[in-house]
Amino acid sequence: MNNFREGRNQGQGSGRGSGRGGGRGRNNGGAFGPGGLCVCAKCGEKVPHQQGVKCTALKCPKCGNTLVREELLNK
């Protein structure tokens, strides 16, 4: 008597889950675009955003703190 062959409670099912996840993340999954500013949350220094370079990869030229995208500070 093998439960696997009989198919009792062995399958994974084909449902769509419990409804968790599947969201689009920050900014509804969209990018902020090539323009904009990177801002220091500590001293307020602003530098132009460079396309292809994350603001968080940059350091503030005044105080050395990590920069963030301006749109994220205004939320």
N, C-alpha and C. Protein backbone atom coordinates (compact mmCIF):
# COMPACT_ATOMS: atom_id res chain seq x y z
N MET A 1 0.84 -1.18 0.00
CA MET A 1 0.00 0.00 0.00
C MET A 1 0.89 1.24 0.00
N ASN A 2 1.01 1.87 -1.13
CA ASN A 2 1.88 3.02 -1.27
C ASN A 2 1.03 4.27 -1.49
N ASN A 3 1.10 5.22 -0.56
CA ASN A 3 0.30 6.44 -0.65
C ASN A 3 0.67 7.28 -1.87
N PHE A 4 1.92 7.20 -2.29
CA PHE A 4 2.36 7.99 -3.43
C PHE A 4 1.62 7.54 -4.69
N ARG A 5 1.52 6.27 -4.89
CA ARG A 5 0.84 5.75 -6.09
C ARG A 5 -0.66 6.00 -6.04
N GLU A 6 -1.21 5.97 -4.85
CA GLU A 6 -2.64 6.20 -4.71
C GLU A 6 -3.00 7.67 -4.78
N GLY A 7 -2.01 8.55 -4.60
CA GLY A 7 -2.24 9.98 -4.73
C GLY A 7 -2.87 10.63 -3.52
N ARG A 8 -2.74 10.04 -2.38
CA ARG A 8 -3.34 10.62 -1.17
C ARG A 8 -2.45 11.71 -0.58
N ASN A 9 -2.93 12.94 -0.60
CA ASN A 9 -2.26 14.06 0.06
C ASN A 9 -0.79 14.20 -0.31
N GLN A 10 -0.46 13.87 -1.51
CA GLN A 10 0.93 13.94 -1.92
C GLN A 10 1.21 15.09 -2.89
N GLY A 11 0.20 15.60 -3.56
CA GLY A 11 0.42 16.61 -4.59
C GLY A 11 0.63 18.00 -4.02
N GLN A 12 1.16 18.87 -4.83
CA GLN A 12 1.39 20.24 -4.44
C GLN A 12 0.17 21.11 -4.70
N GLY A 13 -0.72 20.68 -5.53
CA GLY A 13 -1.90 21.47 -5.85
C GLY A 13 -1.62 22.45 -6.97
N SER A 14 -2.68 23.03 -7.49
CA SER A 14 -2.51 23.96 -8.60
C SER A 14 -3.15 25.31 -8.31
N GLY A 15 -3.35 25.62 -7.04
CA GLY A 15 -3.96 26.89 -6.67
C GLY A 15 -3.00 28.05 -6.88
N ARG A 16 -3.48 29.25 -6.66
CA ARG A 16 -2.68 30.45 -6.90
C ARG A 16 -2.07 31.01 -5.63
N GLY A 17 -2.06 30.26 -4.57
CA GLY A 17 -1.44 30.74 -3.33
C GLY A 17 -2.45 31.38 -2.40
N SER A 18 -1.94 32.01 -1.36
CA SER A 18 -2.80 32.58 -0.33
C SER A 18 -3.05 34.06 -0.52
N GLY A 19 -2.67 34.60 -1.67
CA GLY A 19 -2.93 36.01 -1.93
C GLY A 19 -1.85 36.95 -1.46
N ARG A 20 -0.76 36.42 -0.95
CA ARG A 20 0.34 37.26 -0.49
C ARG A 20 1.33 37.50 -1.62
N GLY A 21 2.01 38.60 -1.57
CA GLY A 21 3.05 38.87 -2.56
C GLY A 21 2.46 39.29 -3.89
N GLY A 22 3.27 39.28 -4.89
CA GLY A 22 2.80 39.64 -6.23
C GLY A 22 2.66 41.14 -6.42
N GLY A 23 3.06 41.92 -5.43
CA GLY A 23 2.96 43.37 -5.56
C GLY A 23 4.02 43.92 -6.50
N ARG A 24 3.96 45.18 -6.78
CA ARG A 24 4.90 45.78 -7.71
C ARG A 24 6.01 46.53 -7.01
N GLY A 25 6.09 46.45 -5.69
CA GLY A 25 7.20 47.05 -4.96
C GLY A 25 7.11 48.56 -4.86
N ARG A 26 8.25 49.15 -4.58
CA ARG A 26 8.35 50.59 -4.43
C ARG A 26 7.99 51.31 -5.71
N ASN A 27 7.34 52.43 -5.61
CA ASN A 27 6.98 53.25 -6.76
C ASN A 27 6.13 52.48 -7.76
N ASN A 28 5.32 51.55 -7.28
CA ASN A 28 4.46 50.71 -8.12
C ASN A 28 5.23 50.00 -9.22
N GLY A 29 6.47 49.65 -8.96
CA GLY A 29 7.28 48.90 -9.91
C GLY A 29 7.90 49.74 -11.00
N GLY A 30 7.64 51.04 -11.00
CA GLY A 30 8.19 51.89 -12.05
C GLY A 30 9.48 52.54 -11.61
N ALA A 31 10.25 52.96 -12.57
CA ALA A 31 11.48 53.67 -12.26
C ALA A 31 11.19 55.16 -12.13
N PHE A 32 12.09 55.87 -11.54
CA PHE A 32 11.92 57.31 -11.38
C PHE A 32 12.33 58.08 -12.62
N GLY A 33 12.98 57.42 -13.54
CA GLY A 33 13.40 58.07 -14.77
C GLY A 33 14.84 58.53 -14.71
N PRO A 34 15.35 59.01 -15.82
CA PRO A 34 16.77 59.37 -15.90
C PRO A 34 17.13 60.68 -15.20
N GLY A 35 16.19 61.58 -15.07
CA GLY A 35 16.47 62.88 -14.45
C GLY A 35 16.35 62.82 -12.95
N GLY A 36 16.20 63.96 -12.34
CA GLY A 36 15.99 64.03 -10.90
C GLY A 36 17.26 64.33 -10.13
N LEU A 37 17.14 64.22 -8.82
CA LEU A 37 18.25 64.57 -7.94
C LEU A 37 18.51 63.47 -6.92
N CYS A 38 19.75 63.38 -6.50
CA CYS A 38 20.14 62.56 -5.37
C CYS A 38 20.36 63.54 -4.21
N VAL A 39 19.82 63.21 -3.03
CA VAL A 39 19.83 64.12 -1.90
C VAL A 39 20.45 63.45 -0.69
N CYS A 40 21.19 64.23 0.08
CA CYS A 40 21.73 63.77 1.35
C CYS A 40 20.66 64.00 2.42
N ALA A 41 20.26 62.94 3.09
CA ALA A 41 19.24 63.05 4.14
C ALA A 41 19.79 63.75 5.38
N LYS A 42 21.12 63.80 5.51
CA LYS A 42 21.73 64.40 6.69
C LYS A 42 21.89 65.92 6.55
N CYS A 43 22.50 66.38 5.44
CA CYS A 43 22.78 67.81 5.32
C CYS A 43 21.95 68.51 4.23
N GLY A 44 21.23 67.75 3.41
CA GLY A 44 20.37 68.35 2.39
C GLY A 44 21.05 68.67 1.07
N GLU A 45 22.32 68.36 0.92
CA GLU A 45 23.04 68.61 -0.34
C GLU A 45 22.38 67.83 -1.48
N LYS A 46 22.25 68.47 -2.63
CA LYS A 46 21.62 67.85 -3.79
C LYS A 46 22.61 67.78 -4.94
N VAL A 47 22.64 66.62 -5.60
CA VAL A 47 23.47 66.45 -6.79
C VAL A 47 22.60 65.83 -7.89
N PRO A 48 22.85 66.15 -9.15
CA PRO A 48 22.06 65.58 -10.24
C PRO A 48 22.21 64.06 -10.30
N HIS A 49 21.09 63.39 -10.56
CA HIS A 49 21.13 61.93 -10.71
C HIS A 49 21.77 61.58 -12.04
N GLN A 50 22.61 60.56 -12.03
CA GLN A 50 23.26 60.07 -13.25
C GLN A 50 22.57 58.79 -13.68
N GLN A 51 22.13 58.73 -14.93
CA GLN A 51 21.43 57.56 -15.43
C GLN A 51 22.32 56.32 -15.31
N GLY A 52 21.76 55.26 -14.78
CA GLY A 52 22.48 54.00 -14.62
C GLY A 52 23.26 53.89 -13.32
N VAL A 53 23.26 54.95 -12.50
CA VAL A 53 23.98 54.94 -11.22
C VAL A 53 22.97 55.17 -10.11
N LYS A 54 22.85 54.22 -9.20
CA LYS A 54 21.92 54.38 -8.08
C LYS A 54 22.42 55.46 -7.14
N CYS A 55 21.51 56.27 -6.65
CA CYS A 55 21.88 57.32 -5.71
C CYS A 55 22.55 56.74 -4.46
N THR A 56 22.09 55.57 -4.03
CA THR A 56 22.64 54.97 -2.83
C THR A 56 24.08 54.49 -3.02
N ALA A 57 24.57 54.48 -4.26
CA ALA A 57 25.96 54.12 -4.52
C ALA A 57 26.87 55.34 -4.41
N LEU A 58 26.28 56.52 -4.23
CA LEU A 58 27.04 57.76 -4.17
C LEU A 58 27.14 58.28 -2.73
N LYS A 59 28.19 59.03 -2.46
CA LYS A 59 28.38 59.67 -1.15
C LYS A 59 28.23 61.17 -1.30
N CYS A 60 27.73 61.81 -0.26
CA CYS A 60 27.55 63.26 -0.26
C CYS A 60 28.91 63.94 -0.36
N PRO A 61 29.03 64.91 -1.28
CA PRO A 61 30.30 65.62 -1.41
C PRO A 61 30.65 66.50 -0.20
N LYS A 62 29.65 66.85 0.60
CA LYS A 62 29.90 67.71 1.77
C LYS A 62 30.20 66.91 3.04
N CYS A 63 29.34 65.93 3.35
CA CYS A 63 29.48 65.24 4.63
C CYS A 63 29.83 63.75 4.53
N GLY A 64 29.75 63.17 3.32
CA GLY A 64 30.11 61.77 3.15
C GLY A 64 29.00 60.78 3.42
N ASN A 65 27.81 61.26 3.75
CA ASN A 65 26.66 60.38 4.00
C ASN A 65 26.18 59.79 2.67
N THR A 66 25.50 58.63 2.73
CA THR A 66 24.94 58.02 1.53
C THR A 66 23.78 58.86 1.00
N LEU A 67 23.73 59.03 -0.31
CA LEU A 67 22.65 59.79 -0.94
C LEU A 67 21.45 58.88 -1.22
N VAL A 68 20.26 59.48 -1.32
CA VAL A 68 19.04 58.78 -1.69
C VAL A 68 18.33 59.58 -2.77
N ARG A 69 17.44 58.91 -3.49
CA ARG A 69 16.69 59.59 -4.53
C ARG A 69 15.72 60.58 -3.90
N GLU A 70 15.61 61.75 -4.46
CA GLU A 70 14.78 62.82 -3.90
C GLU A 70 13.33 62.36 -3.72
N GLU A 71 12.80 61.61 -4.66
CA GLU A 71 11.41 61.16 -4.58
C GLU A 71 11.17 60.28 -3.36
N LEU A 72 12.17 59.57 -2.90
CA LEU A 72 11.99 58.71 -1.72
C LEU A 72 11.97 59.52 -0.44
N LEU A 73 12.62 60.66 -0.40
CA LEU A 73 12.61 61.51 0.79
C LEU A 73 11.28 62.22 0.98
N ASN A 74 10.58 62.51 -0.11
CA ASN A 74 9.35 63.28 -0.04
C ASN A 74 8.13 62.44 0.30
N LYS A 75 8.29 61.17 0.57
CA LYS A 75 7.15 60.31 0.88
C LYS A 75 6.82 60.33 2.33
